[in-house]
Amino acid sequence: MSQVNTELGYSASATISLNDAQVRALAGVASGAISMSNLYGKAKPTLTLTGTYTRGTVGTNSYVWWSGSGTFYTPNTFVGSILVVGGGGGAGTDVGAAGGGGAPNAQTLTFYGGSTYTATCGGSGGGAGGTSSCTGTGVSMSAAGGGGGNNWSSGVGGASGNGYAGGSRVGTGDYYTGGGGGAGGAGGNTSTSGPRGGSGGVGYYWPPLGVYVGGGGGGAASNGVAFAGAGGAGGGGAGGNGRNGPTAGAAGAAGYGGGGGGDCSYRGNPGGGRGGTGGILLVGFFK
């Protein structure tokens, strides 16, 4: 089993069995009878990566998460789960409402050996967020960016890239704004209790990594930061929080496509938060 150990990244003398999850994944035999013959000629693809990314492991699989555009090359064919999320929209100016989260596009696809794939992360939005994409042999995916928040005259948060509406100003004055729509739900309206800015809409939940992306930004409130709308769950604060001037609204997190938080300052000084860049998330049996 020393060669199997080496292929899996273990020391050659490590103790493993044919029933280990990693061994079964390499053999392509999820359950039932398994023998050494199932392992002959099997190789765990080694990806060659460029761009801005983080990588790690989840269960028997590995993952790569791009927050800046790049590429990956695979020498062997493998099946992977991929999520493309558009860039988050930025908050509006002059007592601006929050931006919407980027749209998600999740698929399970075959990535072919000897191919290079391009991962493009949509830009962070001062207005609308940019489109993200992944292209290459047998793969053509894209995800729209979130909408930018409106200014004080309407106070309506930007819609998410996949169409969840931003929140509205309801029963409060001009210096309160709605939350941005999230990739998994609409943004919240302002509330007379406080009063408060609208909360950002919840992001899209992706089971392969157990994360939320594309959270909407939180709306602004003129009576203090404590009354600003919270950013929608988008992973690590992806949706920015609203802020009371002269503090700017928080930006959405890079790679999550979160919407920027609203801001109560006048004439854009210091202004609302920018949306977070889009992301490309890939999970599969590779190294």
C-alpha atoms as a PDB file:
ATOM      1  CA  MET A   1       0.000   0.000   0.000  1.00  0.00           C
ATOM      2  CA  SER A   2       3.033   2.313   0.010  1.00  0.00           C
ATOM      3  CA  GLN A   3       2.243   3.622  -3.478  1.00  0.00           C
ATOM      4  CA  VAL A   4      -1.329   4.354  -2.451  1.00  0.00           C
ATOM      5  CA  ASN A   5      -0.025   6.227   0.590  1.00  0.00           C
ATOM      6  CA  THR A   6       2.234   8.330  -1.608  1.00  0.00           C
ATOM      7  CA  GLU A   7      -0.566   9.153  -4.030  1.00  0.00           C
ATOM      8  CA  LEU A   8      -2.761  10.280  -1.155  1.00  0.00           C
ATOM      9  CA  GLY A   9       0.001  12.441   0.316  1.00  0.00           C
ATOM     10  CA  TYR A  10       0.709  10.189   3.329  1.00  0.00           C
ATOM     11  CA  SER A  11       4.073   8.823   4.382  1.00  0.00           C
ATOM     12  CA  ALA A  12       4.903   5.555   2.584  1.00  0.00           C
ATOM     13  CA  SER A  13       4.760   3.619   5.873  1.00  0.00           C
ATOM     14  CA  ALA A  14       1.410   5.015   7.074  1.00  0.00           C
ATOM     15  CA  THR A  15      -1.194   2.459   8.177  1.00  0.00           C
ATOM     16  CA  ILE A  16      -4.252   2.513   5.901  1.00  0.00           C
ATOM     17  CA  SER A  17      -6.797  -0.005   4.666  1.00  0.00           C
ATOM     18  CA  LEU A  18      -8.831  -0.500   1.520  1.00  0.00           C
ATOM     19  CA  ASN A  19     -11.900   0.598   3.463  1.00  0.00           C
ATOM     20  CA  ASP A  20     -10.506   4.059   4.322  1.00  0.00           C
ATOM     21  CA  ALA A  21     -12.574   6.897   2.858  1.00  0.00           C
ATOM     22  CA  GLN A  22      -9.619   8.415   0.995  1.00  0.00           C
ATOM     23  CA  VAL A  23      -8.668   5.031  -0.494  1.00  0.00           C
ATOM     24  CA  ARG A  24     -12.232   4.417  -1.654  1.00  0.00           C
ATOM     25  CA  ALA A  25     -12.359   7.896  -3.183  1.00  0.00           C
ATOM     26  CA  LEU A  26      -9.130   7.255  -5.109  1.00  0.00           C
ATOM     27  CA  ALA A  27     -10.439   3.896  -6.330  1.00  0.00           C
ATOM     28  CA  GLY A  28     -13.825   5.337  -7.250  1.00  0.00           C
ATOM     29  CA  VAL A  29     -15.634   2.697  -5.170  1.00  0.00           C
ATOM     30  CA  ALA A  30     -17.919   4.443  -2.684  1.00  0.00           C
ATOM     31  CA  SER A  31     -19.203   1.280  -0.960  1.00  0.00           C
ATOM     32  CA  GLY A  32     -19.242  -2.490  -1.174  1.00  0.00           C
ATOM     33  CA  ALA A  33     -16.440  -4.819  -2.251  1.00  0.00           C
ATOM     34  CA  ILE A  34     -13.081  -3.232  -3.066  1.00  0.00           C
ATOM     35  CA  SER A  35      -9.727  -4.717  -4.039  1.00  0.00           C
ATOM     36  CA  MET A  36      -6.259  -3.569  -5.095  1.00  0.00           C
ATOM     37  CA  SER A  37      -7.269  -4.012  -8.725  1.00  0.00           C
ATOM     38  CA  ASN A  38      -9.645  -1.069  -8.297  1.00  0.00           C
ATOM     39  CA  LEU A  39      -6.611   1.131  -7.582  1.00  0.00           C
ATOM     40  CA  TYR A  40      -4.480   0.185 -10.577  1.00  0.00           C
ATOM     41  CA  GLY A  41      -3.752   3.210 -12.762  1.00  0.00           C
ATOM     42  CA  LYS A  42      -5.651   5.615 -10.472  1.00  0.00           C
ATOM     43  CA  ALA A  43      -4.150   9.033  -9.747  1.00  0.00           C
ATOM     44  CA  LYS A  44      -5.305  11.973  -7.666  1.00  0.00           C
ATOM     45  CA  PRO A  45      -5.135  15.016  -9.973  1.00  0.00           C
ATOM     46  CA  THR A  46      -2.625  17.705  -8.975  1.00  0.00           C
ATOM     47  CA  LEU A  47      -4.043  21.085  -9.936  1.00  0.00           C
ATOM     48  CA  THR A  48      -1.776  23.911 -11.092  1.00  0.00           C
ATOM     49  CA  LEU A  49      -3.262  27.171  -9.798  1.00  0.00           C
ATOM     50  CA  THR A  50      -2.871  30.895 -10.463  1.00  0.00           C
ATOM     51  CA  GLY A  51      -4.642  33.975  -9.080  1.00  0.00           C
ATOM     52  CA  THR A  52      -5.703  34.958  -5.570  1.00  0.00           C
ATOM     53  CA  TYR A  53      -7.044  31.926  -3.725  1.00  0.00           C
ATOM     54  CA  THR A  54      -7.131  29.890  -0.543  1.00  0.00           C
ATOM     55  CA  ARG A  55      -7.122  26.102  -0.442  1.00  0.00           C
ATOM     56  CA  GLY A  56      -7.793  23.385   2.097  1.00  0.00           C
ATOM     57  CA  THR A  57      -9.577  20.095   2.707  1.00  0.00           C
ATOM     58  CA  VAL A  58     -13.155  19.158   3.495  1.00  0.00           C
ATOM     59  CA  GLY A  59     -13.815  15.502   4.310  1.00  0.00           C
ATOM     60  CA  THR A  60     -12.083  13.342   1.687  1.00  0.00           C
ATOM     61  CA  ASN A  61     -12.007  16.230  -0.796  1.00  0.00           C
ATOM     62  CA  SER A  62      -9.921  19.337  -1.356  1.00  0.00           C
ATOM     63  CA  TYR A  63     -11.174  22.821  -2.165  1.00  0.00           C
ATOM     64  CA  VAL A  64      -9.924  25.997  -3.813  1.00  0.00           C
ATOM     65  CA  TRP A  65     -11.623  29.375  -3.276  1.00  0.00           C
ATOM     66  CA  TRP A  66     -10.692  32.204  -5.621  1.00  0.00           C
ATOM     67  CA  SER A  67     -11.316  35.790  -4.494  1.00  0.00           C
ATOM     68  CA  GLY A  68      -9.295  37.180  -7.405  1.00  0.00           C
ATOM     69  CA  SER A  69      -9.288  35.953 -10.996  1.00  0.00           C
ATOM     70  CA  GLY A  70      -6.992  33.089 -11.981  1.00  0.00           C
ATOM     71  CA  THR A  71      -6.739  29.714 -13.713  1.00  0.00           C
ATOM     72  CA  PHE A  72      -6.384  26.031 -12.910  1.00  0.00           C
ATOM     73  CA  TYR A  73      -4.909  23.198 -14.961  1.00  0.00           C
ATOM     74  CA  THR A  74      -5.694  19.539 -14.327  1.00  0.00           C
ATOM     75  CA  PRO A  75      -3.612  16.691 -15.806  1.00  0.00           C
ATOM     76  CA  ASN A  76      -6.359  14.137 -15.058  1.00  0.00           C
ATOM     77  CA  THR A  77     -10.133  14.138 -15.471  1.00  0.00           C
ATOM     78  CA  PHE A  78     -12.184  14.527 -12.283  1.00  0.00           C
ATOM     79  CA  VAL A  79     -15.732  15.392 -11.224  1.00  0.00           C
ATOM     80  CA  GLY A  80     -16.082  18.428  -8.974  1.00  0.00           C
ATOM     81  CA  SER A  81     -18.659  20.678  -7.374  1.00  0.00           C
ATOM     82  CA  ILE A  82     -18.278  24.324  -8.355  1.00  0.00           C
ATOM     83  CA  LEU A  83     -19.954  27.533  -7.215  1.00  0.00           C
ATOM     84  CA  VAL A  84     -19.621  30.811  -9.108  1.00  0.00           C
ATOM     85  CA  VAL A  85     -20.842  33.938  -7.266  1.00  0.00           C
ATOM     86  CA  GLY A  86     -21.071  37.411  -8.795  1.00  0.00           C
ATOM     87  CA  GLY A  87     -19.585  40.544  -7.279  1.00  0.00           C
ATOM     88  CA  GLY A  88     -21.583  42.387  -4.635  1.00  0.00           C
ATOM     89  CA  GLY A  89     -23.277  45.709  -5.350  1.00  0.00           C
ATOM     90  CA  GLY A  90     -22.127  48.861  -3.562  1.00  0.00           C
ATOM     91  CA  ALA A  91     -24.251  51.163  -1.435  1.00  0.00           C
ATOM     92  CA  GLY A  92     -25.860  54.262  -2.900  1.00  0.00           C
ATOM     93  CA  THR A  93     -24.533  57.771  -2.278  1.00  0.00           C
ATOM     94  CA  ASP A  94     -26.032  60.629  -0.273  1.00  0.00           C
ATOM     95  CA  VAL A  95     -27.699  58.657   2.517  1.00  0.00           C
ATOM     96  CA  GLY A  96     -27.520  55.594   0.314  1.00  0.00           C
ATOM     97  CA  ALA A  97     -29.237  52.254   0.725  1.00  0.00           C
ATOM     98  CA  ALA A  98     -27.247  49.004   0.849  1.00  0.00           C
ATOM     99  CA  GLY A  99     -26.055  46.979  -2.124  1.00  0.00           C
ATOM    100  CA  GLY A 100     -27.336  43.562  -3.149  1.00  0.00           C
ATOM    101  CA  GLY A 101     -25.399  40.305  -3.020  1.00  0.00           C
ATOM    102  CA  GLY A 102     -24.011  38.573  -6.101  1.00  0.00           C
ATOM    103  CA  ALA A 103     -25.961  35.766  -7.749  1.00  0.00           C
ATOM    104  CA  PRO A 104     -24.914  32.119  -7.206  1.00  0.00           C
ATOM    105  CA  ASN A 105     -24.478  29.450  -9.884  1.00  0.00           C
ATOM    106  CA  ALA A 106     -23.790  25.975  -8.447  1.00  0.00           C
ATOM    107  CA  GLN A 107     -23.176  22.838 -10.546  1.00  0.00           C
ATOM    108  CA  THR A 108     -21.454  19.437 -10.458  1.00  0.00           C
ATOM    109  CA  LEU A 109     -19.299  19.061 -13.570  1.00  0.00           C
ATOM    110  CA  THR A 110     -16.570  17.015 -15.213  1.00  0.00           C
ATOM    111  CA  PHE A 111     -13.213  18.770 -15.569  1.00  0.00           C
ATOM    112  CA  TYR A 112     -11.156  17.161 -18.306  1.00  0.00           C
ATOM    113  CA  GLY A 113      -7.527  16.125 -18.080  1.00  0.00           C
ATOM    114  CA  GLY A 114      -5.045  18.241 -20.034  1.00  0.00           C
ATOM    115  CA  SER A 115      -7.313  21.308 -19.823  1.00  0.00           C
ATOM    116  CA  THR A 116      -6.882  24.796 -18.384  1.00  0.00           C
ATOM    117  CA  TYR A 117      -9.920  26.541 -16.881  1.00  0.00           C
ATOM    118  CA  THR A 118     -10.309  30.282 -16.319  1.00  0.00           C
ATOM    119  CA  ALA A 119     -11.881  31.596 -13.099  1.00  0.00           C
ATOM    120  CA  THR A 120     -12.995  35.238 -13.358  1.00  0.00           C
ATOM    121  CA  CYS A 121     -14.164  36.966 -10.167  1.00  0.00           C
ATOM    122  CA  GLY A 122     -16.602  39.837 -10.724  1.00  0.00           C
ATOM    123  CA  GLY A 123     -15.376  43.205  -9.527  1.00  0.00           C
ATOM    124  CA  SER A 124     -16.492  44.818  -6.297  1.00  0.00           C
ATOM    125  CA  GLY A 125     -19.223  47.317  -6.893  1.00  0.00           C
ATOM    126  CA  GLY A 126     -19.322  51.018  -6.199  1.00  0.00           C
ATOM    127  CA  GLY A 127     -22.571  50.565  -8.126  1.00  0.00           C
ATOM    128  CA  ALA A 128     -23.556  47.177  -9.529  1.00  0.00           C
ATOM    129  CA  GLY A 129     -21.166  44.275  -8.955  1.00  0.00           C
ATOM    130  CA  GLY A 130     -19.372  42.572 -11.840  1.00  0.00           C
ATOM    131  CA  THR A 131     -20.186  39.214 -13.448  1.00  0.00           C
ATOM    132  CA  SER A 132     -18.126  36.171 -12.383  1.00  0.00           C
ATOM    133  CA  SER A 133     -17.475  33.169 -14.629  1.00  0.00           C
ATOM    134  CA  CYS A 134     -15.672  29.869 -15.079  1.00  0.00           C
ATOM    135  CA  THR A 135     -14.878  28.664 -18.593  1.00  0.00           C
ATOM    136  CA  GLY A 136     -12.899  25.856 -20.213  1.00  0.00           C
ATOM    137  CA  THR A 137     -13.374  22.485 -21.884  1.00  0.00           C
ATOM    138  CA  GLY A 138     -16.975  21.400 -21.246  1.00  0.00           C
ATOM    139  CA  VAL A 139     -17.569  24.237 -18.750  1.00  0.00           C
ATOM    140  CA  SER A 140     -19.286  27.592 -19.308  1.00  0.00           C
ATOM    141  CA  MET A 141     -20.730  29.204 -16.169  1.00  0.00           C
ATOM    142  CA  SER A 142     -21.512  32.766 -15.153  1.00  0.00           C
ATOM    143  CA  ALA A 143     -23.177  34.619 -12.271  1.00  0.00           C
ATOM    144  CA  ALA A 144     -24.455  38.201 -12.290  1.00  0.00           C
ATOM    145  CA  GLY A 145     -23.342  40.848  -9.838  1.00  0.00           C
ATOM    146  CA  GLY A 146     -25.620  42.398  -7.231  1.00  0.00           C
ATOM    147  CA  GLY A 147     -27.401  45.681  -7.817  1.00  0.00           C
ATOM    148  CA  GLY A 148     -26.197  48.945  -6.340  1.00  0.00           C
ATOM    149  CA  GLY A 149     -28.221  50.610  -3.591  1.00  0.00           C
ATOM    150  CA  ASN A 150     -30.373  53.672  -4.310  1.00  0.00           C
ATOM    151  CA  ASN A 151     -29.813  57.150  -2.864  1.00  0.00           C
ATOM    152  CA  TRP A 152     -31.774  58.999  -0.200  1.00  0.00           C
ATOM    153  CA  SER A 153     -34.725  59.877  -2.438  1.00  0.00           C
ATOM    154  CA  SER A 154     -35.993  56.278  -2.372  1.00  0.00           C
ATOM    155  CA  GLY A 155     -33.901  54.516   0.277  1.00  0.00           C
ATOM    156  CA  VAL A 156     -34.447  51.147  -1.448  1.00  0.00           C
ATOM    157  CA  GLY A 157     -31.664  48.559  -1.203  1.00  0.00           C
ATOM    158  CA  GLY A 158     -30.165  47.014  -4.317  1.00  0.00           C
ATOM    159  CA  ALA A 159     -31.531  43.692  -5.563  1.00  0.00           C
ATOM    160  CA  SER A 160     -29.366  40.585  -5.515  1.00  0.00           C
ATOM    161  CA  GLY A 161     -27.900  39.357  -8.780  1.00  0.00           C
ATOM    162  CA  ASN A 162     -30.507  36.568  -8.862  1.00  0.00           C
ATOM    163  CA  GLY A 163     -33.472  38.852  -8.266  1.00  0.00           C
ATOM    164  CA  TYR A 164     -34.195  39.036  -4.522  1.00  0.00           C
ATOM    165  CA  ALA A 165     -35.444  42.572  -3.863  1.00  0.00           C
ATOM    166  CA  GLY A 166     -33.832  45.125  -1.603  1.00  0.00           C
ATOM    167  CA  GLY A 167     -35.702  46.484   1.404  1.00  0.00           C
ATOM    168  CA  SER A 168     -37.662  49.752   1.439  1.00  0.00           C
ATOM    169  CA  ARG A 169     -38.055  52.737   3.747  1.00  0.00           C
ATOM    170  CA  VAL A 170     -41.203  52.081   5.773  1.00  0.00           C
ATOM    171  CA  GLY A 171     -42.470  54.525   8.390  1.00  0.00           C
ATOM    172  CA  THR A 172     -39.103  56.176   9.049  1.00  0.00           C
ATOM    173  CA  GLY A 173     -37.439  59.408   7.977  1.00  0.00           C
ATOM    174  CA  ASP A 174     -35.101  60.016   5.070  1.00  0.00           C
ATOM    175  CA  TYR A 175     -31.989  59.025   7.044  1.00  0.00           C
ATOM    176  CA  TYR A 176     -32.886  55.336   7.240  1.00  0.00           C
ATOM    177  CA  THR A 177     -32.407  52.990   4.302  1.00  0.00           C
ATOM    178  CA  GLY A 178     -33.340  49.454   3.312  1.00  0.00           C
ATOM    179  CA  GLY A 179     -31.097  46.413   3.306  1.00  0.00           C
ATOM    180  CA  GLY A 180     -29.736  44.887   0.117  1.00  0.00           C
ATOM    181  CA  GLY A 181     -31.240  41.734  -1.301  1.00  0.00           C
ATOM    182  CA  GLY A 182     -29.255  38.572  -0.579  1.00  0.00           C
ATOM    183  CA  ALA A 183     -28.619  35.610  -2.857  1.00  0.00           C
ATOM    184  CA  GLY A 184     -30.987  33.580  -0.660  1.00  0.00           C
ATOM    185  CA  GLY A 185     -33.617  36.114   0.412  1.00  0.00           C
ATOM    186  CA  ALA A 186     -34.953  39.676   0.175  1.00  0.00           C
ATOM    187  CA  GLY A 187     -33.469  42.594   2.071  1.00  0.00           C
ATOM    188  CA  GLY A 188     -35.258  43.931   5.137  1.00  0.00           C
ATOM    189  CA  ASN A 189     -37.324  47.126   5.338  1.00  0.00           C
ATOM    190  CA  THR A 190     -36.519  49.874   7.798  1.00  0.00           C
ATOM    191  CA  SER A 191     -38.191  49.615  11.180  1.00  0.00           C
ATOM    192  CA  THR A 192     -39.825  52.262  13.377  1.00  0.00           C
ATOM    193  CA  SER A 193     -38.561  50.344  16.442  1.00  0.00           C
ATOM    194  CA  GLY A 194     -35.385  52.255  17.116  1.00  0.00           C
ATOM    195  CA  PRO A 195     -35.782  53.333  14.334  1.00  0.00           C
ATOM    196  CA  ARG A 196     -33.495  50.959  12.437  1.00  0.00           C
ATOM    197  CA  GLY A 197     -32.051  50.449   9.002  1.00  0.00           C
ATOM    198  CA  GLY A 198     -33.120  47.346   7.121  1.00  0.00           C
ATOM    199  CA  SER A 199     -31.139  44.127   7.502  1.00  0.00           C
ATOM    200  CA  GLY A 200     -29.357  42.598   4.530  1.00  0.00           C
ATOM    201  CA  GLY A 201     -30.950  39.577   2.910  1.00  0.00           C
ATOM    202  CA  VAL A 202     -29.508  36.155   3.715  1.00  0.00           C
ATOM    203  CA  GLY A 203     -26.991  34.718   1.278  1.00  0.00           C
ATOM    204  CA  TYR A 204     -27.060  31.429  -0.633  1.00  0.00           C
ATOM    205  CA  TYR A 205     -25.992  28.325   1.325  1.00  0.00           C
ATOM    206  CA  TRP A 206     -23.642  25.925  -0.469  1.00  0.00           C
ATOM    207  CA  PRO A 207     -23.532  22.468   1.167  1.00  0.00           C
ATOM    208  CA  PRO A 208     -20.177  21.192  -0.236  1.00  0.00           C
ATOM    209  CA  LEU A 209     -18.308  23.751   1.929  1.00  0.00           C
ATOM    210  CA  GLY A 210     -21.079  24.627   4.376  1.00  0.00           C
ATOM    211  CA  VAL A 211     -20.855  28.370   3.671  1.00  0.00           C
ATOM    212  CA  TYR A 212     -23.113  31.288   2.768  1.00  0.00           C
ATOM    213  CA  VAL A 213     -22.228  33.655  -0.062  1.00  0.00           C
ATOM    214  CA  GLY A 214     -23.867  36.733  -1.549  1.00  0.00           C
ATOM    215  CA  GLY A 215     -25.274  38.281   1.637  1.00  0.00           C
ATOM    216  CA  GLY A 216     -27.000  41.662   1.210  1.00  0.00           C
ATOM    217  CA  GLY A 217     -25.576  44.785   2.824  1.00  0.00           C
ATOM    218  CA  GLY A 218     -27.214  46.337   5.878  1.00  0.00           C
ATOM    219  CA  GLY A 219     -29.167  49.607   5.636  1.00  0.00           C
ATOM    220  CA  ALA A 220     -28.121  52.858   7.322  1.00  0.00           C
ATOM    221  CA  ALA A 221     -29.565  54.603  10.381  1.00  0.00           C
ATOM    222  CA  SER A 222     -28.886  58.198  11.443  1.00  0.00           C
ATOM    223  CA  ASN A 223     -29.312  57.544  15.190  1.00  0.00           C
ATOM    224  CA  GLY A 224     -26.135  55.496  15.592  1.00  0.00           C
ATOM    225  CA  VAL A 225     -24.268  52.446  14.416  1.00  0.00           C
ATOM    226  CA  ALA A 226     -26.187  50.248  16.858  1.00  0.00           C
ATOM    227  CA  PHE A 227     -29.346  50.905  14.856  1.00  0.00           C
ATOM    228  CA  ALA A 228     -27.872  50.176  11.442  1.00  0.00           C
ATOM    229  CA  GLY A 229     -29.075  47.049   9.654  1.00  0.00           C
ATOM    230  CA  ALA A 230     -26.895  43.958   9.980  1.00  0.00           C
ATOM    231  CA  GLY A 231     -25.335  42.486   6.877  1.00  0.00           C
ATOM    232  CA  GLY A 232     -26.994  39.311   5.615  1.00  0.00           C
ATOM    233  CA  ALA A 233     -25.272  36.000   6.286  1.00  0.00           C
ATOM    234  CA  GLY A 234     -22.839  35.561   3.434  1.00  0.00           C
ATOM    235  CA  GLY A 235     -19.902  33.966   5.185  1.00  0.00           C
ATOM    236  CA  GLY A 236     -17.643  35.921   7.516  1.00  0.00           C
ATOM    237  CA  GLY A 237     -19.669  39.136   7.321  1.00  0.00           C
ATOM    238  CA  ALA A 238     -19.996  39.181   3.550  1.00  0.00           C
ATOM    239  CA  GLY A 239     -22.849  41.681   3.672  1.00  0.00           C
ATOM    240  CA  GLY A 240     -21.555  45.022   4.975  1.00  0.00           C
ATOM    241  CA  ASN A 241     -23.216  46.714   7.935  1.00  0.00           C
ATOM    242  CA  GLY A 242     -24.886  50.097   7.608  1.00  0.00           C
ATOM    243  CA  ARG A 243     -23.162  53.011   9.345  1.00  0.00           C
ATOM    244  CA  ASN A 244     -24.031  56.402  10.790  1.00  0.00           C
ATOM    245  CA  GLY A 245     -22.019  59.249   9.211  1.00  0.00           C
ATOM    246  CA  PRO A 246     -19.298  60.220   9.317  1.00  0.00           C
ATOM    247  CA  THR A 247     -18.371  56.510   9.397  1.00  0.00           C
ATOM    248  CA  ALA A 248     -18.562  54.752   6.044  1.00  0.00           C
ATOM    249  CA  GLY A 249     -20.674  51.653   5.526  1.00  0.00           C
ATOM    250  CA  ALA A 250     -18.695  48.411   5.694  1.00  0.00           C
ATOM    251  CA  ALA A 251     -17.626  46.670   2.516  1.00  0.00           C
ATOM    252  CA  GLY A 252     -18.813  43.206   1.558  1.00  0.00           C
ATOM    253  CA  ALA A 253     -16.201  40.479   2.014  1.00  0.00           C
ATOM    254  CA  ALA A 254     -13.914  39.662  -0.914  1.00  0.00           C
ATOM    255  CA  GLY A 255     -14.692  36.353  -2.590  1.00  0.00           C
ATOM    256  CA  TYR A 256     -18.194  36.146  -1.104  1.00  0.00           C
ATOM    257  CA  GLY A 257     -19.938  38.682  -3.357  1.00  0.00           C
ATOM    258  CA  GLY A 258     -21.510  40.431  -0.365  1.00  0.00           C
ATOM    259  CA  GLY A 259     -23.333  43.751  -0.759  1.00  0.00           C
ATOM    260  CA  GLY A 260     -21.876  46.960   0.689  1.00  0.00           C
ATOM    261  CA  GLY A 261     -23.444  48.575   3.753  1.00  0.00           C
ATOM    262  CA  GLY A 262     -25.513  51.750   3.603  1.00  0.00           C
ATOM    263  CA  ASP A 263     -24.310  55.133   4.877  1.00  0.00           C
ATOM    264  CA  CYS A 264     -25.923  58.206   6.396  1.00  0.00           C
ATOM    265  CA  SER A 265     -23.367  60.786   5.315  1.00  0.00           C
ATOM    266  CA  TYR A 266     -24.366  63.578   2.986  1.00  0.00           C
ATOM    267  CA  ARG A 267     -22.931  63.971  -0.544  1.00  0.00           C
ATOM    268  CA  GLY A 268     -21.028  60.707  -0.341  1.00  0.00           C
ATOM    269  CA  ASN A 269     -18.555  61.783   2.356  1.00  0.00           C
ATOM    270  CA  PRO A 270     -17.311  59.280   3.409  1.00  0.00           C
ATOM    271  CA  GLY A 271     -19.862  57.194   1.525  1.00  0.00           C
ATOM    272  CA  GLY A 272     -21.379  53.723   1.608  1.00  0.00           C
ATOM    273  CA  GLY A 273     -19.525  50.427   1.505  1.00  0.00           C
ATOM    274  CA  ARG A 274     -18.349  48.813  -1.695  1.00  0.00           C
ATOM    275  CA  GLY A 275     -19.562  45.352  -2.587  1.00  0.00           C
ATOM    276  CA  GLY A 276     -17.226  42.395  -2.177  1.00  0.00           C
ATOM    277  CA  THR A 277     -15.560  40.785  -5.171  1.00  0.00           C
ATOM    278  CA  GLY A 278     -17.176  37.664  -6.545  1.00  0.00           C
ATOM    279  CA  GLY A 279     -15.725  34.214  -5.966  1.00  0.00           C
ATOM    280  CA  ILE A 280     -15.150  30.816  -7.559  1.00  0.00           C
ATOM    281  CA  LEU A 281     -15.360  27.813  -5.188  1.00  0.00           C
ATOM    282  CA  LEU A 282     -14.247  24.354  -6.358  1.00  0.00           C
ATOM    283  CA  VAL A 283     -14.512  21.118  -4.364  1.00  0.00           C
ATOM    284  CA  GLY A 284     -13.304  17.729  -5.588  1.00  0.00           C
ATOM    285  CA  PHE A 285     -10.923  14.801  -5.164  1.00  0.00           C
ATOM    286  CA  PHE A 286      -7.672  16.491  -6.209  1.00  0.00           C
ATOM    287  CA  LYS A 287      -4.489  17.818  -4.666  1.00  0.00           C
END
